[in-house]
Every structure is written in structure tokens, then in C-alpha cells.
Amino acid sequence: MVPMFVFGIVFFLSLFLLGRFSATMARLENNRLLRPGAGYMLLNAWLCLAVAVGIVFVAGGAVTSGFLRRSRICAFCLRSQRSRP
């Protein structure tokens, strides 16, 4: 699981730096065609980071140790899911 996390972080950094550079270049040169691609790349970078953190969260045993059951937010979500027919 650690190599997957490291790969996710490296991929996040490369996507984030390239997306940030593209967004800045599009803003400075007033290039309207580059803006959607830069935004999409930044979105993918943040999603990649979320997946990498999720991998660490699951691999670290937080799911099986009962951490999620002690969390108030997750408890509220689980309670509302159980009350549905």
C-alpha cells in the first residue's frame, strides 16, 4: 500500500504543478482555450490526493479499528442511512 500512496503523491504533485502553471499562463496571456484544461487538471490533482489519503486511511486500519464509528459526522451519516426503509 505504501508504493501506491507514494505514486499517488508523486502523481498529485506533477498534476498540480502542471495545472497551476497552465492556469497561470492562461490567466496572464488571456488564453481562453487553456483555462478549462487547466481547471480539469487541477481537479484531477486534488482527486488523486484524496484517493492517496484514502488509501492510507484504509491501509492504516482506521476503518477496521472503529475510528469511523466514533466520529460524529460518520455516525450521523450512518444513523440517517439506517433509518431509511
N, C-alpha and C. Protein backbone atom coordinates (compact mmCIF):
# COMPACT_ATOMS: atom_id res chain seq x y z
N MET A 1 0.80 -1.19 0.00
CA MET A 1 0.00 0.00 0.00
C MET A 1 0.85 1.27 0.00
N VAL A 2 2.02 1.20 0.58
CA VAL A 2 2.88 2.38 0.63
C VAL A 2 3.32 2.80 -0.77
N PRO A 3 3.71 1.87 -1.67
CA PRO A 3 4.07 2.32 -3.02
C PRO A 3 2.91 2.98 -3.75
N MET A 4 1.69 2.51 -3.51
CA MET A 4 0.53 3.15 -4.14
C MET A 4 0.35 4.57 -3.62
N PHE A 5 0.57 4.76 -2.32
CA PHE A 5 0.46 6.10 -1.73
C PHE A 5 1.53 7.02 -2.30
N VAL A 6 2.75 6.53 -2.39
CA VAL A 6 3.85 7.36 -2.92
C VAL A 6 3.59 7.71 -4.38
N PHE A 7 3.10 6.73 -5.15
CA PHE A 7 2.77 7.01 -6.55
C PHE A 7 1.66 8.06 -6.63
N GLY A 8 0.67 7.96 -5.77
CA GLY A 8 -0.41 8.95 -5.76
C GLY A 8 0.08 10.34 -5.42
N ILE A 9 0.98 10.45 -4.46
CA ILE A 9 1.52 11.76 -4.08
C ILE A 9 2.37 12.34 -5.21
N VAL A 10 3.19 11.51 -5.82
CA VAL A 10 4.03 11.99 -6.94
C VAL A 10 3.14 12.42 -8.10
N PHE A 11 2.11 11.64 -8.38
CA PHE A 11 1.19 11.99 -9.46
C PHE A 11 0.44 13.27 -9.12
N PHE A 12 0.05 13.44 -7.85
CA PHE A 12 -0.62 14.67 -7.41
C PHE A 12 0.29 15.87 -7.63
N LEU A 13 1.54 15.75 -7.21
CA LEU A 13 2.45 16.89 -7.34
C LEU A 13 2.68 17.26 -8.80
N SER A 14 2.85 16.25 -9.66
CA SER A 14 3.09 16.55 -11.07
C SER A 14 1.85 17.17 -11.71
N LEU A 15 0.66 16.63 -11.41
CA LEU A 15 -0.56 17.21 -11.97
C LEU A 15 -0.81 18.61 -11.42
N PHE A 16 -0.57 18.79 -10.13
CA PHE A 16 -0.83 20.10 -9.52
C PHE A 16 0.11 21.17 -10.09
N LEU A 17 1.39 20.86 -10.19
CA LEU A 17 2.33 21.85 -10.70
C LEU A 17 2.04 22.20 -12.16
N LEU A 18 1.77 21.18 -12.97
CA LEU A 18 1.47 21.43 -14.37
C LEU A 18 0.14 22.18 -14.53
N GLY A 19 -0.86 21.82 -13.74
CA GLY A 19 -2.15 22.51 -13.80
C GLY A 19 -2.05 23.94 -13.32
N ARG A 20 -1.30 24.16 -12.26
CA ARG A 20 -1.13 25.52 -11.74
C ARG A 20 -0.38 26.40 -12.74
N PHE A 21 0.64 25.83 -13.38
CA PHE A 21 1.38 26.56 -14.40
C PHE A 21 0.46 26.91 -15.57
N SER A 22 -0.35 25.94 -16.00
CA SER A 22 -1.26 26.18 -17.12
C SER A 22 -2.30 27.23 -16.78
N ALA A 23 -2.83 27.17 -15.56
CA ALA A 23 -3.83 28.16 -15.16
C ALA A 23 -3.24 29.56 -15.10
N THR A 24 -2.04 29.67 -14.58
CA THR A 24 -1.39 30.98 -14.50
C THR A 24 -1.05 31.51 -15.89
N MET A 25 -0.56 30.62 -16.76
CA MET A 25 -0.23 31.04 -18.11
C MET A 25 -1.49 31.47 -18.87
N ALA A 26 -2.59 30.75 -18.67
CA ALA A 26 -3.85 31.11 -19.33
C ALA A 26 -4.36 32.46 -18.83
N ARG A 27 -4.18 32.72 -17.55
CA ARG A 27 -4.65 33.99 -16.98
C ARG A 27 -3.79 35.16 -17.46
N LEU A 28 -2.47 34.96 -17.47
CA LEU A 28 -1.58 36.07 -17.85
C LEU A 28 -1.65 36.40 -19.33
N GLU A 29 -1.76 35.37 -20.16
CA GLU A 29 -1.79 35.59 -21.61
C GLU A 29 -3.20 35.72 -22.15
N ASN A 30 -4.21 35.69 -21.27
CA ASN A 30 -5.61 35.78 -21.65
C ASN A 30 -5.97 34.72 -22.70
N ASN A 31 -5.55 33.52 -22.45
CA ASN A 31 -5.81 32.40 -23.34
C ASN A 31 -7.03 31.64 -22.84
N ARG A 32 -8.18 31.85 -23.48
CA ARG A 32 -9.43 31.26 -23.01
C ARG A 32 -9.51 29.77 -23.28
N LEU A 33 -8.80 29.27 -24.26
CA LEU A 33 -8.87 27.84 -24.58
C LEU A 33 -8.10 26.97 -23.60
N LEU A 34 -7.16 27.55 -22.89
CA LEU A 34 -6.34 26.79 -21.96
C LEU A 34 -6.96 26.69 -20.57
N ARG A 35 -7.89 27.58 -20.26
CA ARG A 35 -8.47 27.60 -18.91
C ARG A 35 -9.23 26.33 -18.53
N PRO A 36 -10.10 25.77 -19.37
CA PRO A 36 -10.81 24.56 -18.95
C PRO A 36 -9.88 23.37 -18.73
N GLY A 37 -8.87 23.24 -19.56
CA GLY A 37 -7.92 22.14 -19.39
C GLY A 37 -7.12 22.27 -18.11
N ALA A 38 -6.76 23.50 -17.77
CA ALA A 38 -6.03 23.72 -16.52
C ALA A 38 -6.90 23.44 -15.31
N GLY A 39 -8.14 23.84 -15.37
CA GLY A 39 -9.06 23.55 -14.26
C GLY A 39 -9.30 22.06 -14.11
N TYR A 40 -9.44 21.36 -15.21
CA TYR A 40 -9.64 19.91 -15.17
C TYR A 40 -8.41 19.21 -14.60
N MET A 41 -7.24 19.70 -14.95
CA MET A 41 -6.02 19.10 -14.43
C MET A 41 -5.88 19.34 -12.92
N LEU A 42 -6.25 20.52 -12.46
CA LEU A 42 -6.21 20.78 -11.01
C LEU A 42 -7.25 19.95 -10.27
N LEU A 43 -8.42 19.76 -10.85
CA LEU A 43 -9.43 18.90 -10.24
C LEU A 43 -8.91 17.47 -10.11
N ASN A 44 -8.29 16.96 -11.16
CA ASN A 44 -7.73 15.61 -11.12
C ASN A 44 -6.61 15.50 -10.09
N ALA A 45 -5.84 16.55 -9.93
CA ALA A 45 -4.77 16.52 -8.93
C ALA A 45 -5.36 16.39 -7.53
N TRP A 46 -6.38 17.17 -7.22
CA TRP A 46 -6.99 17.10 -5.89
C TRP A 46 -7.69 15.76 -5.66
N LEU A 47 -8.32 15.21 -6.71
CA LEU A 47 -8.94 13.89 -6.58
C LEU A 47 -7.89 12.81 -6.35
N CYS A 48 -6.76 12.94 -7.00
CA CYS A 48 -5.67 11.99 -6.80
C CYS A 48 -5.16 12.06 -5.36
N LEU A 49 -5.05 13.25 -4.81
CA LEU A 49 -4.64 13.39 -3.42
C LEU A 49 -5.67 12.77 -2.48
N ALA A 50 -6.95 12.96 -2.78
CA ALA A 50 -7.99 12.37 -1.93
C ALA A 50 -7.92 10.84 -1.96
N VAL A 51 -7.65 10.28 -3.11
CA VAL A 51 -7.52 8.82 -3.22
C VAL A 51 -6.30 8.33 -2.46
N ALA A 52 -5.19 9.06 -2.56
CA ALA A 52 -3.97 8.66 -1.84
C ALA A 52 -4.19 8.71 -0.33
N VAL A 53 -4.87 9.73 0.15
CA VAL A 53 -5.17 9.82 1.58
C VAL A 53 -6.13 8.71 1.99
N GLY A 54 -7.08 8.39 1.13
CA GLY A 54 -8.00 7.30 1.41
C GLY A 54 -7.29 5.96 1.50
N ILE A 55 -6.29 5.76 0.65
CA ILE A 55 -5.50 4.52 0.70
C ILE A 55 -4.78 4.41 2.04
N VAL A 56 -4.21 5.50 2.50
CA VAL A 56 -3.52 5.49 3.79
C VAL A 56 -4.52 5.27 4.92
N PHE A 57 -5.69 5.88 4.80
CA PHE A 57 -6.71 5.76 5.82
C PHE A 57 -7.18 4.31 5.96
N VAL A 58 -7.38 3.63 4.83
CA VAL A 58 -7.83 2.24 4.86
C VAL A 58 -6.68 1.32 5.24
N ALA A 59 -5.49 1.54 4.69
CA ALA A 59 -4.35 0.67 4.98
C ALA A 59 -3.87 0.85 6.41
N GLY A 60 -4.10 2.01 6.99
CA GLY A 60 -3.68 2.25 8.36
C GLY A 60 -4.58 1.58 9.38
N GLY A 61 -5.67 1.04 8.95
CA GLY A 61 -6.55 0.33 9.86
C GLY A 61 -7.60 1.19 10.52
N ALA A 62 -7.80 2.40 10.03
CA ALA A 62 -8.79 3.27 10.65
C ALA A 62 -10.20 2.76 10.43
N VAL A 63 -10.41 2.05 9.34
CA VAL A 63 -11.74 1.53 9.05
C VAL A 63 -12.05 0.35 9.95
N THR A 64 -11.09 -0.52 10.15
CA THR A 64 -11.34 -1.72 10.96
C THR A 64 -11.19 -1.48 12.45
N SER A 65 -10.53 -0.39 12.86
CA SER A 65 -10.32 -0.14 14.28
C SER A 65 -11.50 0.52 14.96
N GLY A 66 -12.52 0.88 14.21
CA GLY A 66 -13.69 1.52 14.79
C GLY A 66 -13.58 3.03 14.86
N PHE A 67 -12.59 3.60 14.21
CA PHE A 67 -12.44 5.06 14.23
C PHE A 67 -13.65 5.74 13.59
N LEU A 68 -14.14 5.16 12.50
CA LEU A 68 -15.27 5.77 11.82
C LEU A 68 -16.53 5.73 12.66
N ARG A 69 -16.67 4.74 13.49
CA ARG A 69 -17.87 4.65 14.32
C ARG A 69 -17.84 5.68 15.45
N ARG A 70 -16.66 6.09 15.86
CA ARG A 70 -16.55 7.09 16.92
C ARG A 70 -16.70 8.51 16.39
N SER A 71 -16.55 8.68 15.11
CA SER A 71 -16.65 10.01 14.52
C SER A 71 -18.11 10.46 14.51
N ARG A 72 -18.36 11.68 14.92
CA ARG A 72 -19.74 12.18 15.00
C ARG A 72 -20.36 12.35 13.63
N ILE A 73 -19.57 12.83 12.69
CA ILE A 73 -20.11 13.05 11.35
C ILE A 73 -20.48 11.72 10.70
N CYS A 74 -19.57 10.77 10.78
CA CYS A 74 -19.87 9.46 10.19
C CYS A 74 -21.00 8.76 10.93
N ALA A 75 -21.09 8.97 12.23
CA ALA A 75 -22.18 8.37 13.00
C ALA A 75 -23.52 8.96 12.56
N PHE A 76 -23.55 10.25 12.30
CA PHE A 76 -24.78 10.88 11.82
C PHE A 76 -25.18 10.33 10.46
N CYS A 77 -24.19 10.18 9.57
CA CYS A 77 -24.48 9.65 8.24
C CYS A 77 -24.96 8.20 8.32
N LEU A 78 -24.31 7.41 9.15
CA LEU A 78 -24.73 6.02 9.28
C LEU A 78 -26.11 5.92 9.90
N ARG A 79 -26.41 6.78 10.87
CA ARG A 79 -27.71 6.75 11.51
C ARG A 79 -28.80 7.13 10.52
N SER A 80 -28.55 8.11 9.67
CA SER A 80 -29.57 8.51 8.69
C SER A 80 -29.73 7.45 7.63
N GLN A 81 -28.68 6.70 7.31
CA GLN A 81 -28.79 5.63 6.33
C GLN A 81 -29.59 4.46 6.88
N ARG A 82 -29.44 4.16 8.17
CA ARG A 82 -30.16 3.05 8.77
C ARG A 82 -31.64 3.34 8.93
N SER A 83 -32.01 4.59 9.06
CA SER A 83 -33.41 4.90 9.31
C SER A 83 -34.24 4.88 8.03
N ARG A 84 -33.59 4.81 6.88
CA ARG A 84 -34.34 4.76 5.61
C ARG A 84 -34.94 3.37 5.43
N PRO A 85 -36.15 3.31 4.84
CA PRO A 85 -36.78 1.98 4.65
C PRO A 85 -36.14 1.20 3.53
